[in-house]
Amino acid sequence: MSFWRALLRGTGLTRSAEVESPKTALPTHMDHVEEPSAPIPEQVSAPVASVPATVPAALSEGARPGTGSSGSRVPTAGMRAAALERTLQSLVERLGTEHPDTITARNNLATKYAQMGRRQSAVQQFELALGEAVAVYGDDHPRTEIIRENLAWAFEDAGRPADAAGQWETLLGQRESQFGPADEDTVEARTRLAVCYRRSGRVDAAIAHYERAIEDVASTERREDLRLGLSAALSMTGRYEEAGSQLRMVLAARRRRLGKGHLDTLTVHHRLGRAHTQAGRADEAVEVLREAYRVALNSSGDPEVRRLTLRLRRDLAGAYNAAGRHREADALL
């Protein structure tokens, strides 16, 4: 565990299990990058006057309670959010907006909104919580930083990469100065900053941060993901040869680690072929896509591999046509 995670655990803050964000946009075809999806935000330990043990029958947003096997009511997400809203309102009235318990309650309500897909409400509450945390704890306090990270993820989830980048910039500066560039949480902040720069059109800045993160990251698998992100950014600037070089390194690494017929390996193999197509290198595209297609045909037990095989067949036919080999293209179609 990194010092950063140990420090957060010492303050009573915990990270919930990461889940795939319902909003995080996955680039299609050529721009597909294997990047970590936005996790459910960090939830800080609840204040003493937190969610009531039993939730009243009144429901928020028209939610209907379910029933368990004993006939007791099972709280819905809407009911839990309503309980958190009442808790926050009570704390604001009794203690004010800048009391630590109020800040905790607001962060937890924002977290619930994020889990429910209420993205704008989550952003709103995280922004308020961050402002209050800065006023009470200061910019460098672990609780402030965890709420800032929550806000950064919420901005990404809401499709606001430029706003998210502003928060990741702050987090990167703080973590780099406290823990150094190679700490896993520093690398995470740099990676997210690179992703947000790329998605908001600041491609040169994204490339610089991808390259630095690749130097600093310790995990081999994370380095592969970073190379895929760097490849996408390089392609956006027309640097196709460099983009292809990154893909070839990832392809070789995954063949060694996973085998050539693994879905993750074939996905990169496919992407390399499409990169050649994008660069106008039809003959190279044919060669790469044909090899990937043959491997996929022999590894098509997995439904995901079968779907990828159909895309490979289509793209190989397109590459044949681009190379003037129309008879071979027609045979595939």
C-alpha atoms as a PDB file:
ATOM      1  CA  MET A   1       0.000   0.000   0.000  1.00  0.00           C
ATOM      2  CA  SER A   2       1.299   3.438  -0.852  1.00  0.00           C
ATOM      3  CA  PHE A   3       1.930   6.033   1.844  1.00  0.00           C
ATOM      4  CA  TRP A   4      -0.974   8.028   0.419  1.00  0.00           C
ATOM      5  CA  ARG A   5      -3.441   5.154   0.892  1.00  0.00           C
ATOM      6  CA  ALA A   6      -2.048   4.448   4.367  1.00  0.00           C
ATOM      7  CA  LEU A   7      -2.517   8.094   5.275  1.00  0.00           C
ATOM      8  CA  LEU A   8      -6.118   8.070   4.064  1.00  0.00           C
ATOM      9  CA  ARG A   9      -6.846   4.871   5.973  1.00  0.00           C
ATOM     10  CA  GLY A  10      -5.423   6.495   9.087  1.00  0.00           C
ATOM     11  CA  THR A  11      -7.917   9.332   8.791  1.00  0.00           C
ATOM     12  CA  GLY A  12     -10.851   6.926   8.560  1.00  0.00           C
ATOM     13  CA  LEU A  13     -11.389   7.407   4.835  1.00  0.00           C
ATOM     14  CA  THR A  14     -12.022   4.390   2.665  1.00  0.00           C
ATOM     15  CA  ARG A  15     -12.376   3.740  -1.058  1.00  0.00           C
ATOM     16  CA  SER A  16     -15.355   1.768  -2.224  1.00  0.00           C
ATOM     17  CA  ALA A  17     -14.955  -0.852  -4.936  1.00  0.00           C
ATOM     18  CA  GLU A  18     -14.337   0.584  -8.371  1.00  0.00           C
ATOM     19  CA  VAL A  19     -17.155   0.223 -10.871  1.00  0.00           C
ATOM     20  CA  GLU A  20     -17.505   1.115 -14.494  1.00  0.00           C
ATOM     21  CA  SER A  21     -18.812   4.634 -14.894  1.00  0.00           C
ATOM     22  CA  PRO A  22     -22.090   4.798 -16.800  1.00  0.00           C
ATOM     23  CA  LYS A  23     -21.008   8.003 -18.513  1.00  0.00           C
ATOM     24  CA  THR A  24     -17.301   7.645 -19.223  1.00  0.00           C
ATOM     25  CA  ALA A  25     -17.133   7.805 -22.994  1.00  0.00           C
ATOM     26  CA  LEU A  26     -15.158   5.038 -24.658  1.00  0.00           C
ATOM     27  CA  PRO A  27     -13.607   6.161 -27.937  1.00  0.00           C
ATOM     28  CA  THR A  28     -14.733   4.048 -30.839  1.00  0.00           C
ATOM     29  CA  HIS A  29     -12.563   1.932 -33.116  1.00  0.00           C
ATOM     30  CA  MET A  30      -9.299   3.775 -33.648  1.00  0.00           C
ATOM     31  CA  ASP A  31      -9.552   5.891 -30.534  1.00  0.00           C
ATOM     32  CA  HIS A  32     -10.377   3.053 -28.148  1.00  0.00           C
ATOM     33  CA  VAL A  33      -8.083   3.268 -25.165  1.00  0.00           C
ATOM     34  CA  GLU A  34      -8.030   0.893 -22.240  1.00  0.00           C
ATOM     35  CA  GLU A  35      -8.193   3.309 -19.367  1.00  0.00           C
ATOM     36  CA  PRO A  36      -9.521   2.860 -15.867  1.00  0.00           C
ATOM     37  CA  SER A  37     -13.167   3.776 -15.651  1.00  0.00           C
ATOM     38  CA  ALA A  38     -14.359   6.334 -13.144  1.00  0.00           C
ATOM     39  CA  PRO A  39     -14.808   4.685  -9.748  1.00  0.00           C
ATOM     40  CA  ILE A  40     -17.563   5.411  -7.322  1.00  0.00           C
ATOM     41  CA  PRO A  41     -16.150   8.365  -5.378  1.00  0.00           C
ATOM     42  CA  GLU A  42     -14.527   8.006  -2.012  1.00  0.00           C
ATOM     43  CA  GLN A  43     -17.000   7.994   0.864  1.00  0.00           C
ATOM     44  CA  VAL A  44     -15.763   9.409   4.125  1.00  0.00           C
ATOM     45  CA  SER A  45     -16.740   7.912   7.438  1.00  0.00           C
ATOM     46  CA  ALA A  46     -20.190   9.049   8.442  1.00  0.00           C
ATOM     47  CA  PRO A  47     -20.742  11.596  11.237  1.00  0.00           C
ATOM     48  CA  VAL A  48     -22.419  10.594  14.482  1.00  0.00           C
ATOM     49  CA  ALA A  49     -25.805  11.856  13.294  1.00  0.00           C
ATOM     50  CA  SER A  50     -25.748  10.031   9.993  1.00  0.00           C
ATOM     51  CA  VAL A  51     -28.257   7.889   8.136  1.00  0.00           C
ATOM     52  CA  PRO A  52     -31.088   6.795  10.457  1.00  0.00           C
ATOM     53  CA  ALA A  53     -31.161   3.120  11.308  1.00  0.00           C
ATOM     54  CA  THR A  54     -34.667   2.835   9.876  1.00  0.00           C
ATOM     55  CA  VAL A  55     -35.752   4.845   6.876  1.00  0.00           C
ATOM     56  CA  PRO A  56     -39.176   6.501   7.057  1.00  0.00           C
ATOM     57  CA  ALA A  57     -41.826   5.394   4.604  1.00  0.00           C
ATOM     58  CA  ALA A  58     -41.763   8.713   2.724  1.00  0.00           C
ATOM     59  CA  LEU A  59     -39.738   8.187  -0.446  1.00  0.00           C
ATOM     60  CA  SER A  60     -37.638  10.532  -2.523  1.00  0.00           C
ATOM     61  CA  GLU A  61     -38.153  10.804  -6.289  1.00  0.00           C
ATOM     62  CA  GLY A  62     -41.151   8.464  -6.252  1.00  0.00           C
ATOM     63  CA  ALA A  63     -39.052   5.437  -5.306  1.00  0.00           C
ATOM     64  CA  ARG A  64     -40.977   2.333  -4.204  1.00  0.00           C
ATOM     65  CA  PRO A  65     -39.540   0.151  -1.455  1.00  0.00           C
ATOM     66  CA  GLY A  66     -38.967  -3.537  -2.091  1.00  0.00           C
ATOM     67  CA  THR A  67     -39.599  -6.247   0.451  1.00  0.00           C
ATOM     68  CA  GLY A  68     -37.266  -8.861   1.819  1.00  0.00           C
ATOM     69  CA  SER A  69     -38.078 -12.506   2.486  1.00  0.00           C
ATOM     70  CA  SER A  70     -39.500 -11.590   5.905  1.00  0.00           C
ATOM     71  CA  GLY A  71     -41.698  -8.870   4.431  1.00  0.00           C
ATOM     72  CA  SER A  72     -39.565  -6.020   5.797  1.00  0.00           C
ATOM     73  CA  ARG A  73     -38.866  -3.047   3.597  1.00  0.00           C
ATOM     74  CA  VAL A  74     -35.589  -2.963   1.723  1.00  0.00           C
ATOM     75  CA  PRO A  75     -34.305   0.620   1.345  1.00  0.00           C
ATOM     76  CA  THR A  76     -33.974   1.701  -2.271  1.00  0.00           C
ATOM     77  CA  ALA A  77     -31.299   4.021  -3.613  1.00  0.00           C
ATOM     78  CA  GLY A  78     -33.831   6.837  -3.595  1.00  0.00           C
ATOM     79  CA  MET A  79     -34.673   6.167   0.052  1.00  0.00           C
ATOM     80  CA  ARG A  80     -31.012   6.166   1.026  1.00  0.00           C
ATOM     81  CA  ALA A  81     -30.434   9.424  -0.843  1.00  0.00           C
ATOM     82  CA  ALA A  82     -33.453  10.962   0.890  1.00  0.00           C
ATOM     83  CA  ALA A  83     -32.073   9.893   4.266  1.00  0.00           C
ATOM     84  CA  LEU A  84     -28.699  11.434   3.441  1.00  0.00           C
ATOM     85  CA  GLU A  85     -30.423  14.649   2.320  1.00  0.00           C
ATOM     86  CA  ARG A  86     -32.272  14.865   5.648  1.00  0.00           C
ATOM     87  CA  THR A  87     -29.071  14.190   7.562  1.00  0.00           C
ATOM     88  CA  LEU A  88     -27.247  16.948   5.693  1.00  0.00           C
ATOM     89  CA  GLN A  89     -30.077  19.430   6.187  1.00  0.00           C
ATOM     90  CA  SER A  90     -30.186  18.679   9.917  1.00  0.00           C
ATOM     91  CA  LEU A  91     -26.428  19.154  10.283  1.00  0.00           C
ATOM     92  CA  VAL A  92     -26.485  22.420   8.324  1.00  0.00           C
ATOM     93  CA  GLU A  93     -29.213  23.764  10.600  1.00  0.00           C
ATOM     94  CA  ARG A  94     -27.557  22.627  13.842  1.00  0.00           C
ATOM     95  CA  LEU A  95     -23.843  22.991  13.103  1.00  0.00           C
ATOM     96  CA  GLY A  96     -23.498  25.175   9.989  1.00  0.00           C
ATOM     97  CA  THR A  97     -22.038  24.419   6.582  1.00  0.00           C
ATOM     98  CA  GLU A  98     -18.379  24.410   7.617  1.00  0.00           C
ATOM     99  CA  HIS A  99     -18.571  21.907  10.470  1.00  0.00           C
ATOM    100  CA  PRO A 100     -16.559  18.721   9.788  1.00  0.00           C
ATOM    101  CA  ASP A 101     -19.655  16.514  10.220  1.00  0.00           C
ATOM    102  CA  THR A 102     -21.545  18.633   7.686  1.00  0.00           C
ATOM    103  CA  ILE A 103     -18.716  18.399   5.170  1.00  0.00           C
ATOM    104  CA  THR A 104     -18.631  14.630   5.632  1.00  0.00           C
ATOM    105  CA  ALA A 105     -22.397  14.361   5.171  1.00  0.00           C
ATOM    106  CA  ARG A 106     -22.305  16.473   2.019  1.00  0.00           C
ATOM    107  CA  ASN A 107     -19.519  14.336   0.534  1.00  0.00           C
ATOM    108  CA  ASN A 108     -21.497  11.185   1.320  1.00  0.00           C
ATOM    109  CA  LEU A 109     -24.657  12.589  -0.268  1.00  0.00           C
ATOM    110  CA  ALA A 110     -22.684  13.524  -3.387  1.00  0.00           C
ATOM    111  CA  THR A 111     -21.280   9.994  -3.458  1.00  0.00           C
ATOM    112  CA  LYS A 112     -24.779   8.530  -3.369  1.00  0.00           C
ATOM    113  CA  TYR A 113     -25.859  10.854  -6.194  1.00  0.00           C
ATOM    114  CA  ALA A 114     -22.884   9.653  -8.244  1.00  0.00           C
ATOM    115  CA  GLN A 115     -23.807   6.016  -7.596  1.00  0.00           C
ATOM    116  CA  MET A 116     -27.365   6.734  -8.745  1.00  0.00           C
ATOM    117  CA  GLY A 117     -26.224   8.444 -11.955  1.00  0.00           C
ATOM    118  CA  ARG A 118     -27.379  11.896 -10.825  1.00  0.00           C
ATOM    119  CA  ARG A 119     -24.214  13.402 -12.232  1.00  0.00           C
ATOM    120  CA  GLN A 120     -24.980  17.115 -12.084  1.00  0.00           C
ATOM    121  CA  SER A 121     -26.284  16.853  -8.528  1.00  0.00           C
ATOM    122  CA  ALA A 122     -23.134  14.955  -7.553  1.00  0.00           C
ATOM    123  CA  VAL A 123     -20.890  17.621  -9.088  1.00  0.00           C
ATOM    124  CA  GLN A 124     -22.849  20.378  -7.336  1.00  0.00           C
ATOM    125  CA  GLN A 125     -22.516  18.791  -3.909  1.00  0.00           C
ATOM    126  CA  PHE A 126     -18.847  17.852  -4.359  1.00  0.00           C
ATOM    127  CA  GLU A 127     -18.071  21.446  -5.374  1.00  0.00           C
ATOM    128  CA  LEU A 128     -19.766  22.753  -2.229  1.00  0.00           C
ATOM    129  CA  ALA A 129     -18.013  20.123  -0.081  1.00  0.00           C
ATOM    130  CA  LEU A 130     -14.630  21.022  -1.566  1.00  0.00           C
ATOM    131  CA  GLY A 131     -15.113  24.723  -0.904  1.00  0.00           C
ATOM    132  CA  GLU A 132     -16.104  24.007   2.678  1.00  0.00           C
ATOM    133  CA  ALA A 133     -13.211  21.572   3.183  1.00  0.00           C
ATOM    134  CA  VAL A 134     -10.683  24.105   1.900  1.00  0.00           C
ATOM    135  CA  ALA A 135     -12.064  26.687   4.326  1.00  0.00           C
ATOM    136  CA  VAL A 136     -11.944  24.302   7.303  1.00  0.00           C
ATOM    137  CA  TYR A 137      -8.941  22.048   6.638  1.00  0.00           C
ATOM    138  CA  GLY A 138      -6.894  23.872   4.004  1.00  0.00           C
ATOM    139  CA  ASP A 139      -5.848  22.742   0.539  1.00  0.00           C
ATOM    140  CA  ASP A 140      -3.333  20.084   1.584  1.00  0.00           C
ATOM    141  CA  HIS A 141      -5.374  18.189   4.169  1.00  0.00           C
ATOM    142  CA  PRO A 142      -6.098  14.532   3.276  1.00  0.00           C
ATOM    143  CA  ARG A 143      -9.856  15.071   3.622  1.00  0.00           C
ATOM    144  CA  THR A 144      -9.712  18.024   1.244  1.00  0.00           C
ATOM    145  CA  GLU A 145      -7.681  16.025  -1.248  1.00  0.00           C
ATOM    146  CA  ILE A 146     -10.051  13.081  -1.181  1.00  0.00           C
ATOM    147  CA  ILE A 147     -13.044  15.349  -1.850  1.00  0.00           C
ATOM    148  CA  ARG A 148     -11.103  17.044  -4.652  1.00  0.00           C
ATOM    149  CA  GLU A 149     -10.421  13.658  -6.212  1.00  0.00           C
ATOM    150  CA  ASN A 150     -14.121  12.801  -5.900  1.00  0.00           C
ATOM    151  CA  LEU A 151     -14.962  16.035  -7.709  1.00  0.00           C
ATOM    152  CA  ALA A 152     -12.430  15.263 -10.458  1.00  0.00           C
ATOM    153  CA  TRP A 153     -14.005  11.838 -11.057  1.00  0.00           C
ATOM    154  CA  ALA A 154     -17.488  13.389 -10.978  1.00  0.00           C
ATOM    155  CA  PHE A 155     -16.479  15.943 -13.621  1.00  0.00           C
ATOM    156  CA  GLU A 156     -15.187  13.104 -15.812  1.00  0.00           C
ATOM    157  CA  ASP A 157     -18.375  11.143 -15.257  1.00  0.00           C
ATOM    158  CA  ALA A 158     -20.408  14.203 -16.269  1.00  0.00           C
ATOM    159  CA  GLY A 159     -18.442  14.604 -19.510  1.00  0.00           C
ATOM    160  CA  ARG A 160     -16.515  17.687 -18.377  1.00  0.00           C
ATOM    161  CA  PRO A 161     -12.851  16.678 -18.955  1.00  0.00           C
ATOM    162  CA  ALA A 162     -11.513  20.248 -18.965  1.00  0.00           C
ATOM    163  CA  ASP A 163     -12.981  20.886 -15.499  1.00  0.00           C
ATOM    164  CA  ALA A 164     -11.692  17.521 -14.295  1.00  0.00           C
ATOM    165  CA  ALA A 165      -8.216  18.407 -15.578  1.00  0.00           C
ATOM    166  CA  GLY A 166      -8.135  21.473 -13.323  1.00  0.00           C
ATOM    167  CA  GLN A 167      -8.671  19.292 -10.272  1.00  0.00           C
ATOM    168  CA  TRP A 168      -6.165  16.635 -11.385  1.00  0.00           C
ATOM    169  CA  GLU A 169      -3.566  19.364 -11.961  1.00  0.00           C
ATOM    170  CA  THR A 170      -3.880  20.408  -8.330  1.00  0.00           C
ATOM    171  CA  LEU A 171      -3.792  16.817  -7.091  1.00  0.00           C
ATOM    172  CA  LEU A 172      -0.754  15.994  -9.225  1.00  0.00           C
ATOM    173  CA  GLY A 173       1.176  18.966  -7.866  1.00  0.00           C
ATOM    174  CA  GLN A 174       0.330  18.054  -4.278  1.00  0.00           C
ATOM    175  CA  ARG A 175       1.141  14.377  -4.605  1.00  0.00           C
ATOM    176  CA  GLU A 176       4.337  14.925  -6.546  1.00  0.00           C
ATOM    177  CA  SER A 177       5.678  17.326  -3.915  1.00  0.00           C
ATOM    178  CA  GLN A 178       4.650  15.110  -0.985  1.00  0.00           C
ATOM    179  CA  PHE A 179       5.362  11.614  -2.274  1.00  0.00           C
ATOM    180  CA  GLY A 180       7.472  11.962  -5.416  1.00  0.00           C
ATOM    181  CA  PRO A 181       6.734  11.236  -9.087  1.00  0.00           C
ATOM    182  CA  ALA A 182       6.865   7.431  -8.857  1.00  0.00           C
ATOM    183  CA  ASP A 183       4.282   7.016  -6.081  1.00  0.00           C
ATOM    184  CA  GLU A 184       1.283   5.055  -7.379  1.00  0.00           C
ATOM    185  CA  ASP A 185      -1.157   7.839  -6.502  1.00  0.00           C
ATOM    186  CA  THR A 186       1.014  10.453  -8.194  1.00  0.00           C
ATOM    187  CA  VAL A 187       1.081   8.281 -11.312  1.00  0.00           C
ATOM    188  CA  GLU A 188      -2.704   7.854 -11.104  1.00  0.00           C
ATOM    189  CA  ALA A 189      -3.207  11.628 -10.962  1.00  0.00           C
ATOM    190  CA  ARG A 190      -0.833  12.148 -13.897  1.00  0.00           C
ATOM    191  CA  THR A 191      -2.615   9.438 -15.884  1.00  0.00           C
ATOM    192  CA  ARG A 192      -6.042  10.953 -15.300  1.00  0.00           C
ATOM    193  CA  LEU A 193      -4.679  14.385 -16.184  1.00  0.00           C
ATOM    194  CA  ALA A 194      -3.315  12.993 -19.463  1.00  0.00           C
ATOM    195  CA  VAL A 195      -6.675  11.378 -20.245  1.00  0.00           C
ATOM    196  CA  CYS A 196      -8.570  14.602 -19.523  1.00  0.00           C
ATOM    197  CA  TYR A 197      -6.130  16.682 -21.571  1.00  0.00           C
ATOM    198  CA  ARG A 198      -6.570  14.308 -24.512  1.00  0.00           C
ATOM    199  CA  ARG A 199     -10.351  14.338 -24.259  1.00  0.00           C
ATOM    200  CA  SER A 200     -10.464  18.126 -24.009  1.00  0.00           C
ATOM    201  CA  GLY A 201      -8.191  18.656 -27.041  1.00  0.00           C
ATOM    202  CA  ARG A 202      -4.936  19.534 -25.232  1.00  0.00           C
ATOM    203  CA  VAL A 203      -3.172  16.715 -27.034  1.00  0.00           C
ATOM    204  CA  ASP A 204       0.458  17.873 -26.774  1.00  0.00           C
ATOM    205  CA  ALA A 205       0.121  18.259 -23.009  1.00  0.00           C
ATOM    206  CA  ALA A 206      -1.511  14.831 -22.848  1.00  0.00           C
ATOM    207  CA  ILE A 207       1.404  13.261 -24.728  1.00  0.00           C
ATOM    208  CA  ALA A 208       3.926  14.789 -22.338  1.00  0.00           C
ATOM    209  CA  HIS A 209       2.102  13.411 -19.287  1.00  0.00           C
ATOM    210  CA  TYR A 210       1.581   9.976 -20.830  1.00  0.00           C
ATOM    211  CA  GLU A 211       5.303   9.746 -21.559  1.00  0.00           C
ATOM    212  CA  ARG A 212       6.226  10.809 -18.028  1.00  0.00           C
ATOM    213  CA  ALA A 213       3.744   8.381 -16.472  1.00  0.00           C
ATOM    214  CA  ILE A 214       5.189   5.531 -18.544  1.00  0.00           C
ATOM    215  CA  GLU A 215       8.614   6.319 -17.086  1.00  0.00           C
ATOM    216  CA  ASP A 216       7.339   6.433 -13.509  1.00  0.00           C
ATOM    217  CA  VAL A 217       4.763   3.611 -13.342  1.00  0.00           C
ATOM    218  CA  ALA A 218       5.794   0.362 -11.654  1.00  0.00           C
ATOM    219  CA  SER A 219       3.084  -1.978 -12.951  1.00  0.00           C
ATOM    220  CA  THR A 220       3.693  -3.675 -16.288  1.00  0.00           C
ATOM    221  CA  GLU A 221      -0.024  -3.863 -17.045  1.00  0.00           C
ATOM    222  CA  ARG A 222      -0.553  -0.193 -16.221  1.00  0.00           C
ATOM    223  CA  ARG A 223       2.348   0.667 -18.504  1.00  0.00           C
ATOM    224  CA  GLU A 224       0.566  -1.154 -21.333  1.00  0.00           C
ATOM    225  CA  ASP A 225      -2.599   0.877 -20.710  1.00  0.00           C
ATOM    226  CA  LEU A 226      -0.578   4.086 -20.693  1.00  0.00           C
ATOM    227  CA  ARG A 227       1.033   3.174 -24.004  1.00  0.00           C
ATOM    228  CA  LEU A 228      -2.429   2.670 -25.492  1.00  0.00           C
ATOM    229  CA  GLY A 229      -3.445   6.120 -24.286  1.00  0.00           C
ATOM    230  CA  LEU A 230      -0.246   7.607 -25.671  1.00  0.00           C
ATOM    231  CA  SER A 231      -0.884   5.870 -28.986  1.00  0.00           C
ATOM    232  CA  ALA A 232      -4.335   7.446 -29.240  1.00  0.00           C
ATOM    233  CA  ALA A 233      -2.933  10.893 -28.461  1.00  0.00           C
ATOM    234  CA  LEU A 234      -0.142  10.498 -31.003  1.00  0.00           C
ATOM    235  CA  SER A 235      -2.657   9.463 -33.661  1.00  0.00           C
ATOM    236  CA  MET A 236      -4.674  12.599 -32.979  1.00  0.00           C
ATOM    237  CA  THR A 237      -1.627  14.673 -33.968  1.00  0.00           C
ATOM    238  CA  GLY A 238      -0.891  12.630 -37.097  1.00  0.00           C
ATOM    239  CA  ARG A 239       2.185  10.940 -35.593  1.00  0.00           C
ATOM    240  CA  TYR A 240       1.095   7.550 -36.872  1.00  0.00           C
ATOM    241  CA  GLU A 241       4.505   5.863 -36.919  1.00  0.00           C
ATOM    242  CA  GLU A 242       5.071   6.679 -33.246  1.00  0.00           C
ATOM    243  CA  ALA A 243       1.528   5.592 -32.429  1.00  0.00           C
ATOM    244  CA  GLY A 244       2.120   2.277 -34.181  1.00  0.00           C
ATOM    245  CA  SER A 245       5.361   1.790 -32.290  1.00  0.00           C
ATOM    246  CA  GLN A 246       3.510   2.044 -28.984  1.00  0.00           C
ATOM    247  CA  LEU A 247       0.901  -0.452 -30.176  1.00  0.00           C
ATOM    248  CA  ARG A 248       3.553  -2.920 -31.299  1.00  0.00           C
ATOM    249  CA  MET A 249       5.185  -2.811 -27.863  1.00  0.00           C
ATOM    250  CA  VAL A 250       1.860  -3.496 -26.168  1.00  0.00           C
ATOM    251  CA  LEU A 251       1.046  -6.280 -28.634  1.00  0.00           C
ATOM    252  CA  ALA A 252       4.368  -8.014 -27.987  1.00  0.00           C
ATOM    253  CA  ALA A 253       3.940  -7.698 -24.215  1.00  0.00           C
ATOM    254  CA  ARG A 254       0.428  -9.098 -24.267  1.00  0.00           C
ATOM    255  CA  ARG A 255       1.386 -12.000 -26.491  1.00  0.00           C
ATOM    256  CA  ARG A 256       4.019 -12.961 -23.918  1.00  0.00           C
ATOM    257  CA  ARG A 257       1.739 -12.422 -20.945  1.00  0.00           C
ATOM    258  CA  LEU A 258      -1.664 -13.538 -22.219  1.00  0.00           C
ATOM    259  CA  GLY A 259      -1.111 -15.403 -25.472  1.00  0.00           C
ATOM    260  CA  LYS A 260      -1.880 -14.314 -29.010  1.00  0.00           C
ATOM    261  CA  GLY A 261      -5.506 -15.535 -28.934  1.00  0.00           C
ATOM    262  CA  HIS A 262      -6.555 -13.662 -25.804  1.00  0.00           C
ATOM    263  CA  LEU A 263      -9.232 -11.007 -26.317  1.00  0.00           C
ATOM    264  CA  ASP A 264      -7.042  -8.234 -24.868  1.00  0.00           C
ATOM    265  CA  THR A 265      -4.188  -9.208 -27.196  1.00  0.00           C
ATOM    266  CA  LEU A 266      -6.448  -9.419 -30.237  1.00  0.00           C
ATOM    267  CA  THR A 267      -7.975  -6.034 -29.436  1.00  0.00           C
ATOM    268  CA  VAL A 268      -4.549  -4.404 -29.658  1.00  0.00           C
ATOM    269  CA  HIS A 269      -3.703  -6.433 -32.779  1.00  0.00           C
ATOM    270  CA  HIS A 270      -6.898  -5.139 -34.393  1.00  0.00           C
ATOM    271  CA  ARG A 271      -6.105  -1.602 -33.349  1.00  0.00           C
ATOM    272  CA  LEU A 272      -2.627  -1.831 -34.879  1.00  0.00           C
ATOM    273  CA  GLY A 273      -4.140  -2.873 -38.195  1.00  0.00           C
ATOM    274  CA  ARG A 274      -6.584   0.018 -38.106  1.00  0.00           C
ATOM    275  CA  ALA A 275      -3.714   2.378 -37.291  1.00  0.00           C
ATOM    276  CA  HIS A 276      -2.030   1.343 -40.533  1.00  0.00           C
ATOM    277  CA  THR A 277      -5.320   1.947 -42.364  1.00  0.00           C
ATOM    278  CA  GLN A 278      -5.632   5.385 -40.812  1.00  0.00           C
ATOM    279  CA  ALA A 279      -2.084   6.191 -41.869  1.00  0.00           C
ATOM    280  CA  GLY A 280      -2.883   5.218 -45.469  1.00  0.00           C
ATOM    281  CA  ARG A 281      -0.640   2.135 -45.396  1.00  0.00           C
ATOM    282  CA  ALA A 282      -3.011  -0.341 -46.980  1.00  0.00           C
ATOM    283  CA  ASP A 283      -0.487  -3.147 -47.549  1.00  0.00           C
ATOM    284  CA  GLU A 284       0.712  -3.080 -43.919  1.00  0.00           C
ATOM    285  CA  ALA A 285      -2.923  -2.932 -42.772  1.00  0.00           C
ATOM    286  CA  VAL A 286      -3.760  -6.022 -44.829  1.00  0.00           C
ATOM    287  CA  GLU A 287      -0.842  -7.947 -43.382  1.00  0.00           C
ATOM    288  CA  VAL A 288      -1.624  -7.096 -39.750  1.00  0.00           C
ATOM    289  CA  LEU A 289      -5.397  -7.481 -40.001  1.00  0.00           C
ATOM    290  CA  ARG A 290      -5.133 -10.755 -41.908  1.00  0.00           C
ATOM    291  CA  GLU A 291      -2.911 -12.227 -39.203  1.00  0.00           C
ATOM    292  CA  ALA A 292      -5.230 -10.992 -36.455  1.00  0.00           C
ATOM    293  CA  TYR A 293      -8.258 -12.396 -38.287  1.00  0.00           C
ATOM    294  CA  ARG A 294      -6.672 -15.827 -38.610  1.00  0.00           C
ATOM    295  CA  VAL A 295      -5.780 -15.898 -34.907  1.00  0.00           C
ATOM    296  CA  ALA A 296      -9.291 -14.779 -33.962  1.00  0.00           C
ATOM    297  CA  LEU A 297     -10.897 -17.506 -36.095  1.00  0.00           C
ATOM    298  CA  ASN A 298      -8.904 -20.091 -34.120  1.00  0.00           C
ATOM    299  CA  SER A 299      -9.844 -18.515 -30.781  1.00  0.00           C
ATOM    300  CA  SER A 300     -13.535 -17.815 -31.318  1.00  0.00           C
ATOM    301  CA  GLY A 301     -14.956 -19.781 -28.375  1.00  0.00           C
ATOM    302  CA  ASP A 302     -15.357 -16.555 -26.412  1.00  0.00           C
ATOM    303  CA  PRO A 303     -18.448 -14.546 -27.524  1.00  0.00           C
ATOM    304  CA  GLU A 304     -16.419 -11.333 -27.287  1.00  0.00           C
ATOM    305  CA  VAL A 305     -13.756 -12.806 -29.550  1.00  0.00           C
ATOM    306  CA  ARG A 306     -16.467 -13.817 -32.045  1.00  0.00           C
ATOM    307  CA  ARG A 307     -17.746 -10.245 -32.131  1.00  0.00           C
ATOM    308  CA  LEU A 308     -14.205  -8.970 -32.620  1.00  0.00           C
ATOM    309  CA  THR A 309     -13.732 -11.503 -35.429  1.00  0.00           C
ATOM    310  CA  LEU A 310     -16.639  -9.959 -37.335  1.00  0.00           C
ATOM    311  CA  ARG A 311     -15.090  -6.493 -36.990  1.00  0.00           C
ATOM    312  CA  LEU A 312     -11.718  -7.842 -38.114  1.00  0.00           C
ATOM    313  CA  ARG A 313     -13.344  -9.412 -41.170  1.00  0.00           C
ATOM    314  CA  ARG A 314     -15.015  -6.117 -42.082  1.00  0.00           C
ATOM    315  CA  ASP A 315     -11.845  -4.089 -41.601  1.00  0.00           C
ATOM    316  CA  LEU A 316      -9.709  -6.595 -43.471  1.00  0.00           C
ATOM    317  CA  ALA A 317     -12.107  -6.343 -46.410  1.00  0.00           C
ATOM    318  CA  GLY A 318     -11.773  -2.577 -46.277  1.00  0.00           C
ATOM    319  CA  ALA A 319      -7.985  -2.850 -46.233  1.00  0.00           C
ATOM    320  CA  TYR A 320      -8.076  -5.193 -49.248  1.00  0.00           C
ATOM    321  CA  ASN A 321     -10.203  -2.670 -51.134  1.00  0.00           C
ATOM    322  CA  ALA A 322      -7.854   0.169 -50.179  1.00  0.00           C
ATOM    323  CA  ALA A 323      -4.948  -1.901 -51.516  1.00  0.00           C
ATOM    324  CA  GLY A 324      -6.774  -2.534 -54.794  1.00  0.00           C
ATOM    325  CA  ARG A 325      -7.322  -6.215 -54.000  1.00  0.00           C
ATOM    326  CA  HIS A 326     -11.056  -6.180 -54.662  1.00  0.00           C
ATOM    327  CA  ARG A 327     -11.511  -9.893 -55.372  1.00  0.00           C
ATOM    328  CA  GLU A 328     -10.133 -10.789 -51.920  1.00  0.00           C
ATOM    329  CA  ALA A 329     -12.322  -8.113 -50.364  1.00  0.00           C
ATOM    330  CA  ASP A 330     -15.406  -9.500 -52.095  1.00  0.00           C
ATOM    331  CA  ALA A 331     -14.607 -12.991 -50.849  1.00  0.00           C
ATOM    332  CA  LEU A 332     -14.818 -11.735 -47.266  1.00  0.00           C
ATOM    333  CA  LEU A 333     -18.010  -9.774 -47.830  1.00  0.00           C
END
